[in-house]
């Protein structure tokens, strides 16, 4: 069909109208359905879900076709990713920045978006019959995913040969049996593809930490080869059993967890340096005042000498101290969670002794601690970096949780385009998303004074991220126009990316590549 995007044709207007409509409500009154009708309706829901999955794959591939790699930085460009940090090939002929855009559109992480894009391509290239069965609703999505995940690494000819043998009975097999059958046939016809799957799994291995369902606990998990995981668990279990035999009354599971923690944090005879911790304590300014309704005074929400003395008293009562070899940073916020200032206990003690230089004999409400001031230099000051790290805590790109220790301090409005080196124009972005903002075309980043970041994709989808702890704004009255920030100036579009002169930041901030990656 002829492309009509950008044309004000009747077809285009009808498509705009159709896309803007809410999804149809196809639910039947469950209370009026018989037992047999409920079962039949569940099957229909499953078929509709399969059709939607096939349509989703088609949309993903269509969006990928709209995002070619014509303007990606070539290998000799200073912005190109090189070495072990270069990503695996995403989709042939598709921009390396397509997967982050897909992640923002869907509101998911980059890994989930990449997996979805690769699966869609596998349907089209390797498994057209599976894709057709999915679109017809005759094969459910979980079984189609099994075939796509197993047969993605082989050639289209071999994948279609295995597909022809398995597809007629796929609906009668459990997903586990279907996976085993597909792997057995793949090993028979293309053993090298099985080895490639194993190597790809090793490349994707990682260690992850996420909150547990148990109160105050987190789960630490690692992807390991099966034999290494079994050996590691056997060692942990054996050491825990020895503690139990020695009379430790705690449950065996708790002992395993403690042994695991000790092995990770204090490996015997490893020669590794001791563990250091950097502790941040967040205190609301209203809490220091003894009030939960009156926030600190605004311009910059000054923190007075009296507030500092009160905070020191509270710290003394709590007995908070910096960990051995680590640091203790105080993050002071207002009632809405907006970060006002950061300081160490030593800095607070110095400020408490000095007080206001203009009024050394009394407290007149003058600010002695506030947000770091702007600098005319390109690189942020140490105080600004600490403030931004405490405020953001992770990469601020939507659904990216990479910690600040692995992130760059980026100018939202580029420095060479008039953007200040100020905390209201700086945010943490991991190297991957920093490159996207600097080198990809059509993206728009806008940040509010409180650190709220708005990211808009080339396809027009906007996602908003707020610093952790910052409360969302109160709903605006009906009819109030939405607030808008300052848009990022669009750099001119060259025929091809041109390397910048080394040593001087440009509108694309290519100087971020002068420093080695922080990871």
Protein backbone atom coordinates (compact mmCIF):
# COMPACT_ATOMS: atom_id res chain seq x y z
CA UNK A 1 0.00 0.00 0.00
CA UNK A 2 1.27 3.47 -0.85
CA UNK A 3 2.79 5.29 2.11
CA UNK A 4 0.49 8.13 3.13
CA UNK A 5 2.24 9.41 6.24
CA UNK A 6 2.63 13.17 6.06
CA UNK A 7 -0.13 13.59 3.47
CA UNK A 8 -3.43 15.17 4.44
CA UNK A 9 -5.35 12.67 2.31
CA UNK A 10 -8.72 11.21 3.23
CA UNK A 11 -7.01 7.87 3.93
CA UNK A 12 -4.51 9.55 6.21
CA UNK A 13 -7.21 11.36 8.17
CA UNK A 14 -9.18 8.15 8.56
CA UNK A 15 -6.09 6.35 9.85
CA UNK A 16 -5.40 9.17 12.32
CA UNK A 17 -8.98 8.90 13.54
CA UNK A 18 -8.85 5.11 13.83
CA UNK A 19 -5.60 5.12 15.80
CA UNK A 20 -6.93 7.75 18.20
CA UNK A 21 -9.96 5.63 19.14
CA UNK A 22 -9.90 3.67 22.42
CA UNK A 23 -9.55 -0.12 22.09
CA UNK A 24 -12.92 -1.82 21.56
CA UNK A 25 -14.47 -3.51 24.57
CA UNK A 26 -15.17 -7.05 23.41
CA UNK A 27 -16.07 -8.49 26.80
CA UNK A 28 -19.24 -10.52 27.17
CA UNK A 29 -21.38 -10.46 30.35
CA UNK A 30 -19.64 -13.30 32.18
CA UNK A 31 -22.48 -13.74 34.64
CA UNK A 32 -24.84 -14.68 31.79
CA UNK A 33 -22.53 -17.24 30.18
CA UNK A 34 -22.89 -20.95 30.71
CA UNK A 35 -19.96 -23.13 31.74
CA UNK A 36 -19.41 -24.19 28.14
CA UNK A 37 -19.65 -20.60 26.91
CA UNK A 38 -17.07 -19.43 29.45
CA UNK A 39 -14.65 -22.11 28.25
CA UNK A 40 -15.28 -21.17 24.61
CA UNK A 41 -14.77 -17.48 25.42
CA UNK A 42 -11.44 -18.25 27.13
CA UNK A 43 -10.30 -19.98 23.95
CA UNK A 44 -11.40 -16.97 21.92
CA UNK A 45 -9.44 -14.64 24.23
CA UNK A 46 -6.37 -16.82 23.73
CA UNK A 47 -6.80 -16.71 19.96
CA UNK A 48 -7.23 -12.94 20.03
CA UNK A 49 -4.08 -12.61 22.14
CA UNK A 50 -2.19 -14.62 19.50
CA UNK A 51 -3.53 -12.38 16.71
CA UNK A 52 -2.48 -9.29 18.64
CA UNK A 53 1.02 -10.77 19.11
CA UNK A 54 1.34 -11.31 15.36
CA UNK A 55 0.11 -7.76 14.71
CA UNK A 56 2.55 -6.44 17.31
CA UNK A 57 5.44 -8.17 15.52
CA UNK A 58 4.33 -6.61 12.23
CA UNK A 59 4.21 -3.15 13.82
CA UNK A 60 7.65 -3.61 15.39
CA UNK A 61 9.14 -4.57 12.03
CA UNK A 62 7.37 -1.66 10.35
CA UNK A 63 8.79 0.79 12.89
CA UNK A 64 12.22 -0.78 12.39
CA UNK A 65 11.91 -0.26 8.63
CA UNK A 66 11.18 3.42 9.37
CA UNK A 67 14.46 3.64 11.35
CA UNK A 68 17.29 2.79 8.95
CA UNK A 69 20.95 2.97 9.91
CA UNK A 70 21.74 5.62 7.29
CA UNK A 71 22.79 8.21 9.88
CA UNK A 72 24.35 5.98 12.53
CA UNK A 73 27.98 6.91 13.27
CA UNK A 74 30.32 4.88 11.02
CA UNK A 75 33.12 2.79 12.60
CA UNK A 76 35.71 5.55 12.11
CA UNK A 77 33.55 8.20 13.83
CA UNK A 78 34.54 9.10 17.42
CA UNK A 79 30.97 8.43 18.49
CA UNK A 80 30.92 4.84 17.21
CA UNK A 81 30.88 2.11 19.82
CA UNK A 82 34.02 0.05 19.74
CA UNK A 83 35.67 -2.90 21.36
CA UNK A 84 34.01 -5.14 23.91
CA UNK A 85 31.38 -2.49 24.68
CA UNK A 86 30.04 -2.46 21.12
CA UNK A 87 26.59 -4.09 21.05
CA UNK A 88 25.81 -7.20 19.10
CA UNK A 89 24.13 -6.58 15.77
CA UNK A 90 20.51 -5.64 16.42
CA UNK A 91 18.61 -5.84 13.13
CA UNK A 92 20.41 -5.68 9.77
CA UNK A 93 20.05 -2.27 8.19
CA UNK A 94 18.25 -0.85 11.26
CA UNK A 95 19.63 1.97 13.39
CA UNK A 96 21.37 1.00 16.60
CA UNK A 97 19.06 3.51 18.33
CA UNK A 98 15.88 1.71 17.26
CA UNK A 99 15.74 -0.64 20.25
CA UNK A 100 15.91 2.21 22.81
CA UNK A 101 13.08 3.94 20.93
CA UNK A 102 11.02 0.75 20.97
CA UNK A 103 11.66 0.44 24.71
CA UNK A 104 10.33 3.96 25.30
CA UNK A 105 7.29 3.37 23.06
CA UNK A 106 6.39 0.18 24.95
CA UNK A 107 7.45 1.43 28.38
CA UNK A 108 9.81 -1.50 28.96
CA UNK A 109 13.53 -2.09 29.37
CA UNK A 110 16.03 -2.24 26.53
CA UNK A 111 16.55 -5.99 26.93
CA UNK A 112 12.83 -6.72 26.64
CA UNK A 113 12.54 -4.49 23.57
CA UNK A 114 15.57 -6.10 21.92
CA UNK A 115 14.16 -9.57 22.54
CA UNK A 116 10.82 -8.54 21.05
CA UNK A 117 12.49 -7.07 17.95
CA UNK A 118 14.64 -10.16 17.38
CA UNK A 119 11.64 -12.45 17.81
CA UNK A 120 9.65 -10.43 15.27
CA UNK A 121 12.48 -10.71 12.78
CA UNK A 122 12.72 -14.46 13.42
CA UNK A 123 9.01 -14.82 12.62
CA UNK A 124 9.49 -13.00 9.32
CA UNK A 125 12.78 -14.57 8.20
CA UNK A 126 12.79 -18.06 9.72
CA UNK A 127 9.22 -18.97 10.70
CA UNK A 128 6.66 -17.52 8.29
CA UNK A 129 4.25 -20.42 8.82
CA UNK A 130 4.39 -19.95 12.60
CA UNK A 131 3.74 -16.24 12.13
CA UNK A 132 0.77 -17.01 9.89
CA UNK A 133 -0.67 -19.49 12.42
CA UNK A 134 -0.22 -16.87 15.13
CA UNK A 135 -2.02 -14.24 13.04
CA UNK A 136 -4.87 -16.69 12.39
CA UNK A 137 -5.18 -17.47 16.09
CA UNK A 138 -4.60 -21.21 15.54
CA UNK A 139 -1.30 -21.24 17.47
CA UNK A 140 -1.03 -19.58 20.85
CA UNK A 141 1.70 -17.04 21.64
CA UNK A 142 3.68 -19.09 24.25
CA UNK A 143 4.28 -21.94 21.78
CA UNK A 144 5.15 -19.55 18.98
CA UNK A 145 7.70 -17.90 21.30
CA UNK A 146 9.27 -21.30 22.00
CA UNK A 147 9.81 -21.97 18.30
CA UNK A 148 11.16 -18.47 17.70
CA UNK A 149 13.56 -18.57 20.64
CA UNK A 150 14.96 -22.00 19.74
CA UNK A 151 15.23 -21.49 15.97
CA UNK A 152 16.51 -17.92 15.87
CA UNK A 153 20.18 -18.95 15.65
CA UNK A 154 19.94 -21.28 12.65
CA UNK A 155 19.47 -20.61 8.95
CA UNK A 156 16.02 -19.90 7.51
CA UNK A 157 16.08 -23.15 5.52
CA UNK A 158 16.77 -25.34 8.55
CA UNK A 159 14.32 -23.36 10.72
CA UNK A 160 11.54 -23.84 8.18
CA UNK A 161 12.34 -27.55 7.89
CA UNK A 162 11.98 -28.00 11.66
CA UNK A 163 8.92 -25.75 11.66
CA UNK A 164 7.22 -27.96 9.07
CA UNK A 165 7.76 -31.03 11.25
CA UNK A 166 6.66 -29.48 14.55
CA UNK A 167 3.95 -26.99 13.69
CA UNK A 168 1.15 -29.52 12.98
CA UNK A 169 1.45 -30.96 16.51
CA UNK A 170 2.74 -27.89 18.35
CA UNK A 171 -0.67 -27.08 19.84
CA UNK A 172 -0.88 -30.55 21.42
CA UNK A 173 2.55 -30.38 23.08
CA UNK A 174 3.35 -28.57 26.31
CA UNK A 175 5.79 -25.71 25.92
CA UNK A 176 8.47 -27.75 27.69
CA UNK A 177 8.08 -30.76 25.38
CA UNK A 178 7.92 -28.49 22.34
CA UNK A 179 11.19 -26.85 23.36
CA UNK A 180 12.88 -30.21 23.86
CA UNK A 181 11.65 -31.51 20.50
CA UNK A 182 12.80 -28.35 18.72
CA UNK A 183 16.24 -28.48 20.38
CA UNK A 184 16.64 -32.16 19.53
CA UNK A 185 15.85 -31.53 15.85
CA UNK A 186 18.14 -28.47 15.83
CA UNK A 187 20.98 -30.53 17.30
CA UNK A 188 20.40 -33.17 14.64
CA UNK A 189 20.34 -30.73 11.70
CA UNK A 190 22.57 -27.86 12.88
CA UNK A 191 24.77 -28.60 15.89
CA UNK A 192 26.69 -25.38 15.30
CA UNK A 193 23.52 -23.39 15.97
CA UNK A 194 23.18 -25.08 19.38
CA UNK A 195 26.76 -24.07 20.17
CA UNK A 196 25.97 -20.53 19.03
CA UNK A 197 22.95 -20.45 21.38
CA UNK A 198 25.16 -21.56 24.25
CA UNK A 199 27.77 -18.91 23.47
CA UNK A 200 25.10 -16.24 23.16
CA UNK A 201 23.74 -17.27 26.56
CA UNK A 202 27.21 -16.84 28.07
CA UNK A 203 27.52 -13.39 26.49
CA UNK A 204 24.18 -12.33 27.95
CA UNK A 205 25.01 -13.62 31.43
CA UNK A 206 24.88 -11.04 34.21
CA UNK A 207 24.39 -10.56 37.93
CA UNK A 208 21.15 -8.91 38.98
CA UNK A 209 19.82 -7.49 42.21
CA UNK A 210 16.12 -6.76 42.71
CA UNK A 211 13.72 -6.36 45.65
CA UNK A 212 12.47 -9.57 47.23
CA UNK A 213 8.88 -10.21 48.24
CA UNK A 214 10.23 -10.51 51.79
CA UNK A 215 10.21 -7.27 53.76
CA UNK A 216 13.54 -5.47 53.79
CA UNK A 217 15.25 -8.12 51.63
CA UNK A 218 16.64 -8.23 48.09
CA UNK A 219 17.49 -11.06 45.73
CA UNK A 220 20.97 -11.37 44.20
CA UNK A 221 20.97 -13.65 41.16
CA UNK A 222 23.60 -14.66 38.61
CA UNK A 223 23.41 -16.39 35.22
CA UNK A 224 25.99 -19.21 35.30
CA UNK A 225 26.71 -22.36 33.31
CA UNK A 226 24.64 -25.19 34.74
CA UNK A 227 27.65 -27.09 36.10
CA UNK A 228 29.10 -24.00 37.82
CA UNK A 229 25.73 -23.13 39.38
CA UNK A 230 25.35 -26.70 40.70
CA UNK A 231 28.87 -26.71 42.12
CA UNK A 232 28.38 -23.31 43.76
CA UNK A 233 25.11 -24.33 45.38
CA UNK A 234 26.63 -27.59 46.62
CA UNK A 235 29.46 -25.66 48.31
CA UNK A 236 27.06 -23.19 49.95
CA UNK A 237 24.79 -26.02 51.11
CA UNK A 238 27.73 -27.98 52.54
CA UNK A 239 29.07 -25.01 54.51
CA UNK A 240 25.58 -24.22 55.84
CA UNK A 241 25.16 -27.85 56.92
CA UNK A 242 28.48 -27.66 58.79
CA UNK A 243 27.21 -24.62 60.70
CA UNK A 244 24.02 -26.51 61.53
CA UNK A 245 26.00 -29.50 62.80
CA UNK A 246 27.99 -27.14 65.02
CA UNK A 247 24.77 -26.18 66.78
CA UNK A 248 23.64 -23.02 64.97
CA UNK A 249 19.89 -22.82 65.72
CA UNK A 250 18.93 -20.72 62.69
CA UNK A 251 16.98 -22.25 59.76
CA UNK A 252 19.12 -23.89 57.08
CA UNK A 253 17.90 -21.42 54.44
CA UNK A 254 19.06 -18.46 56.52
CA UNK A 255 22.45 -20.14 56.98
CA UNK A 256 22.79 -20.68 53.22
CA UNK A 257 22.00 -17.00 52.62
CA UNK A 258 24.61 -15.90 55.18
CA UNK A 259 27.27 -18.22 53.76
CA UNK A 260 26.56 -16.91 50.27
CA UNK A 261 26.83 -13.31 51.46
CA UNK A 262 30.10 -13.94 53.28
CA UNK A 263 31.63 -15.72 50.29
CA UNK A 264 30.74 -12.78 48.04
CA UNK A 265 31.71 -9.94 50.36
CA UNK A 266 34.75 -11.50 52.05
CA UNK A 267 36.34 -14.02 49.66
CA UNK A 268 39.08 -15.86 51.53
CA UNK A 269 42.65 -15.21 50.36
CA UNK A 270 41.43 -13.40 47.27
CA UNK A 271 43.79 -10.46 47.64
CA UNK A 272 40.90 -8.14 46.88
CA UNK A 273 40.64 -4.84 48.78
CA UNK A 274 38.24 -4.52 51.67
CA UNK A 275 34.66 -3.50 51.02
CA UNK A 276 33.80 0.19 51.34
CA UNK A 277 30.31 1.65 51.55
CA UNK A 278 28.95 5.07 50.61
CA UNK A 279 25.87 5.84 52.67
CA UNK A 280 23.31 8.54 51.80
CA UNK A 281 20.76 9.72 54.35
CA UNK A 282 17.74 11.71 53.14
CA UNK A 283 16.10 14.18 55.52
CA UNK A 284 13.12 16.41 54.74
CA UNK A 285 13.67 20.04 55.65
CA UNK A 286 10.19 20.23 57.20
CA UNK A 287 11.16 17.35 59.45
CA UNK A 288 14.13 19.32 60.75
CA UNK A 289 11.79 22.18 61.56
CA UNK A 290 9.53 19.88 63.55
CA UNK A 291 6.69 20.50 61.08
CA UNK A 292 5.12 18.35 58.44
CA UNK A 293 3.11 21.13 56.84
CA UNK A 294 5.51 24.08 56.46
CA UNK A 295 8.27 23.56 53.90
CA UNK A 296 11.48 25.54 53.88
CA UNK A 297 11.53 29.04 52.49
CA UNK A 298 11.86 29.18 48.72
CA UNK A 299 14.35 30.75 46.69
CA UNK A 300 16.52 27.79 46.43
CA UNK A 301 14.94 26.67 49.71
CA UNK A 302 17.76 28.04 51.89
CA UNK A 303 18.97 25.88 54.74
CA UNK A 304 19.90 28.09 57.66
CA UNK A 305 22.47 27.61 60.39
CA UNK A 306 19.64 26.69 62.79
CA UNK A 307 18.54 23.92 60.45
CA UNK A 308 22.10 22.65 60.24
CA UNK A 309 22.45 22.56 64.03
CA UNK A 310 19.13 20.71 64.32
CA UNK A 311 20.26 18.16 61.76
CA UNK A 312 23.54 17.59 63.63
CA UNK A 313 21.60 17.01 66.84
CA UNK A 314 19.40 14.45 65.15
CA UNK A 315 22.39 12.69 63.61
CA UNK A 316 24.03 12.54 67.02
CA UNK A 317 20.89 11.03 68.53
CA UNK A 318 20.74 8.42 65.79
CA UNK A 319 24.43 7.62 66.07
CA UNK A 320 24.94 7.71 62.28
CA UNK A 321 28.58 7.46 61.24
CA UNK A 322 30.40 6.97 57.99
CA UNK A 323 31.21 3.28 57.30
CA UNK A 324 34.85 2.29 57.64
CA UNK A 325 36.63 3.40 54.50
CA UNK A 326 33.39 4.81 53.09
CA UNK A 327 31.44 8.04 53.27
CA UNK A 328 28.23 9.47 54.73
CA UNK A 329 26.30 12.03 52.67
CA UNK A 330 23.20 13.88 53.86
CA UNK A 331 20.56 14.61 51.22
CA UNK A 332 18.19 17.34 52.40
CA UNK A 333 14.83 17.62 50.62
CA UNK A 334 11.68 19.67 50.86
CA UNK A 335 8.22 18.26 51.63
CA UNK A 336 7.76 17.21 47.99
CA UNK A 337 11.01 15.27 47.89
CA UNK A 338 12.92 17.86 45.83
CA UNK A 339 16.62 17.77 46.67
CA UNK A 340 17.78 21.04 48.23
CA UNK A 341 21.37 20.33 49.20
CA UNK A 342 23.91 17.64 50.01
CA UNK A 343 26.62 17.72 52.65
CA UNK A 344 28.82 15.50 54.78
CA UNK A 345 28.66 15.67 58.61
CA UNK A 346 32.05 17.39 58.58
CA UNK A 347 30.73 20.10 56.28
CA UNK A 348 27.68 20.54 58.49
CA UNK A 349 29.83 20.95 61.60
CA UNK A 350 31.91 23.59 59.85
CA UNK A 351 28.79 25.47 58.74
CA UNK A 352 27.27 25.26 62.21
CA UNK A 353 30.39 26.79 63.76
CA UNK A 354 30.71 29.50 61.14
CA UNK A 355 27.03 30.39 60.76
CA UNK A 356 26.06 33.27 58.47
CA UNK A 357 29.09 35.47 57.62
CA UNK A 358 26.87 38.59 57.49
CA UNK A 359 25.21 37.90 60.87
CA UNK A 360 27.76 36.07 63.06
CA UNK A 361 25.90 36.95 66.28
CA UNK A 362 22.44 35.63 65.39
CA UNK A 363 20.32 33.54 63.06
CA UNK A 364 18.43 35.78 60.63
CA UNK A 365 17.28 32.96 58.35
CA UNK A 366 20.14 33.36 55.90
CA UNK A 367 21.06 30.39 53.77
CA UNK A 368 24.33 28.68 54.62
CA UNK A 369 23.75 25.54 52.57
CA UNK A 370 22.07 25.32 49.15
CA UNK A 371 22.28 23.72 45.75
CA UNK A 372 25.71 24.09 44.08
CA UNK A 373 25.95 27.19 41.95
CA UNK A 374 26.35 27.10 38.18
CA UNK A 375 29.78 27.23 36.58
CA UNK A 376 30.85 28.60 33.21
CA UNK A 377 33.11 25.60 32.64
CA UNK A 378 32.01 22.66 30.52
CA UNK A 379 32.71 19.99 33.13
CA UNK A 380 30.58 20.01 36.29
CA UNK A 381 32.22 20.74 39.61
CA UNK A 382 32.70 18.01 42.21
CA UNK A 383 29.84 19.50 44.27
CA UNK A 384 27.53 19.45 41.24
CA UNK A 385 28.44 15.83 40.46
CA UNK A 386 27.67 14.78 44.03
CA UNK A 387 24.36 16.65 43.97
CA UNK A 388 23.31 15.09 40.65
CA UNK A 389 24.35 11.59 41.77
CA UNK A 390 22.35 11.87 44.99
CA UNK A 391 19.33 13.34 43.18
CA UNK A 392 19.22 10.90 40.25
CA UNK A 393 20.73 7.69 41.73
CA UNK A 394 20.39 5.90 38.37
CA UNK A 395 20.44 6.68 34.66
CA UNK A 396 17.43 8.92 34.04
CA UNK A 397 16.46 7.41 30.68
CA UNK A 398 13.02 5.78 30.98
CA UNK A 399 13.19 2.24 32.40
CA UNK A 400 16.99 2.24 32.70
CA UNK A 401 18.22 1.32 36.17
CA UNK A 402 21.98 1.55 35.63
CA UNK A 403 23.47 3.10 38.74
CA UNK A 404 25.14 6.50 38.85
CA UNK A 405 28.58 4.98 39.24
CA UNK A 406 28.19 3.77 35.65
CA UNK A 407 26.71 6.99 34.28
CA UNK A 408 27.89 10.28 32.76
CA UNK A 409 26.86 13.76 33.90
CA UNK A 410 25.17 15.07 30.77
CA UNK A 411 24.03 18.56 29.77
CA UNK A 412 20.35 18.24 28.82
CA UNK A 413 20.64 21.35 26.63
CA UNK A 414 24.15 20.95 25.11
CA UNK A 415 26.76 23.31 26.52
CA UNK A 416 27.73 24.56 23.07
CA UNK A 417 24.08 25.40 22.38
CA UNK A 418 23.85 27.67 25.41
CA UNK A 419 23.06 25.06 28.04
CA UNK A 420 24.41 25.98 31.46
CA UNK A 421 26.59 23.74 33.56
CA UNK A 422 24.02 23.87 36.33
CA UNK A 423 22.19 21.23 38.34
CA UNK A 424 18.94 22.24 36.59
CA UNK A 425 20.53 21.30 33.24
CA UNK A 426 22.51 18.22 34.27
CA UNK A 427 21.34 14.64 34.66
CA UNK A 428 22.82 11.16 34.88
CA UNK A 429 22.76 9.11 31.68
CA UNK A 430 24.52 5.80 31.19
CA UNK A 431 26.99 5.75 28.30
CA UNK A 432 24.54 3.95 26.01
CA UNK A 433 21.74 6.50 26.48
CA UNK A 434 24.21 9.39 26.52
CA UNK A 435 25.31 8.31 23.05
CA UNK A 436 21.69 8.06 21.95
CA UNK A 437 20.93 11.61 23.11
CA UNK A 438 24.11 12.93 21.48
CA UNK A 439 24.15 11.05 18.18
CA UNK A 440 20.63 9.81 17.38
CA UNK A 441 18.33 12.03 15.35
CA UNK A 442 14.85 13.19 16.21
CA UNK A 443 15.02 12.67 19.99
CA UNK A 444 14.03 15.46 22.39
CA UNK A 445 15.14 15.78 26.03
CA UNK A 446 13.64 18.45 28.32
CA UNK A 447 14.30 18.83 32.05
CA UNK A 448 12.37 20.86 34.64
CA UNK A 449 14.07 22.73 37.47
CA UNK A 450 13.19 19.98 39.96
CA UNK A 451 15.01 17.34 37.88
CA UNK A 452 11.95 15.90 36.12
CA UNK A 453 13.09 14.66 32.70
CA UNK A 454 10.84 14.38 29.62
CA UNK A 455 12.11 12.16 26.80
CA UNK A 456 10.36 12.18 23.40
CA UNK A 457 11.16 9.61 20.70
CA UNK A 458 11.33 10.36 16.96
CA UNK A 459 7.93 8.64 16.71
CA UNK A 460 6.40 11.18 19.10
CA UNK A 461 6.06 9.10 22.30
CA UNK A 462 6.99 11.00 25.48
CA UNK A 463 7.97 9.36 28.77
CA UNK A 464 8.66 11.27 31.98
CA UNK A 465 11.04 10.23 34.75
CA UNK A 466 11.29 11.91 38.13
CA UNK A 467 14.16 11.72 40.60
CA UNK A 468 13.52 8.98 43.18
CA UNK A 469 11.54 10.37 46.08
CA UNK A 470 10.17 13.37 44.18
CA UNK A 471 6.41 13.47 44.47
CA UNK A 472 4.39 13.87 41.26
CA UNK A 473 2.80 17.30 40.82
CA UNK A 474 -0.77 17.89 41.90
CA UNK A 475 -3.33 17.57 39.08
CA UNK A 476 -3.86 20.81 37.19
CA UNK A 477 -7.38 22.34 37.16
CA UNK A 478 -9.39 21.51 34.03
CA UNK A 479 -8.52 23.77 31.11
CA UNK A 480 -4.99 24.60 32.35
CA UNK A 481 -2.47 24.40 29.48
CA UNK A 482 0.32 21.88 30.13
CA UNK A 483 3.65 23.21 31.32
CA UNK A 484 6.47 22.93 28.82
CA UNK A 485 10.20 23.02 29.30
CA UNK A 486 12.94 24.36 27.07
CA UNK A 487 13.41 22.06 24.06
CA UNK A 488 16.80 20.78 23.10
CA UNK A 489 18.05 22.67 20.03
CA UNK A 490 18.13 20.40 17.01
CA UNK A 491 21.63 20.24 15.46
CA UNK A 492 21.87 20.61 11.68
CA UNK A 493 21.56 17.34 9.80
CA UNK A 494 24.76 16.55 7.85
CA UNK A 495 25.00 14.13 4.97
CA UNK A 496 26.98 11.82 7.25
CA UNK A 497 28.34 12.11 10.80
CA UNK A 498 31.54 14.15 10.80
CA UNK A 499 34.18 13.69 13.53
CA UNK A 500 34.56 16.70 15.81
CA UNK A 501 37.86 18.36 16.55
CA UNK A 502 39.32 16.67 19.62
CA UNK A 503 39.39 18.56 22.87
CA UNK A 504 36.44 20.92 22.37
CA UNK A 505 32.78 20.07 23.06
CA UNK A 506 30.35 20.65 20.24
CA UNK A 507 26.60 20.88 19.89
CA UNK A 508 26.57 17.08 19.88
CA UNK A 509 28.83 16.95 22.94
CA UNK A 510 31.22 14.55 21.23
CA UNK A 511 33.72 15.29 23.98
CA UNK A 512 31.90 12.73 26.09
CA UNK A 513 33.88 10.23 24.03
CA UNK A 514 37.20 11.76 25.12
CA UNK A 515 36.90 9.99 28.47
CA UNK A 516 37.06 6.20 28.75
CA UNK A 517 33.78 4.56 29.69
CA UNK A 518 33.22 4.55 33.46
CA UNK A 519 32.49 0.81 33.35
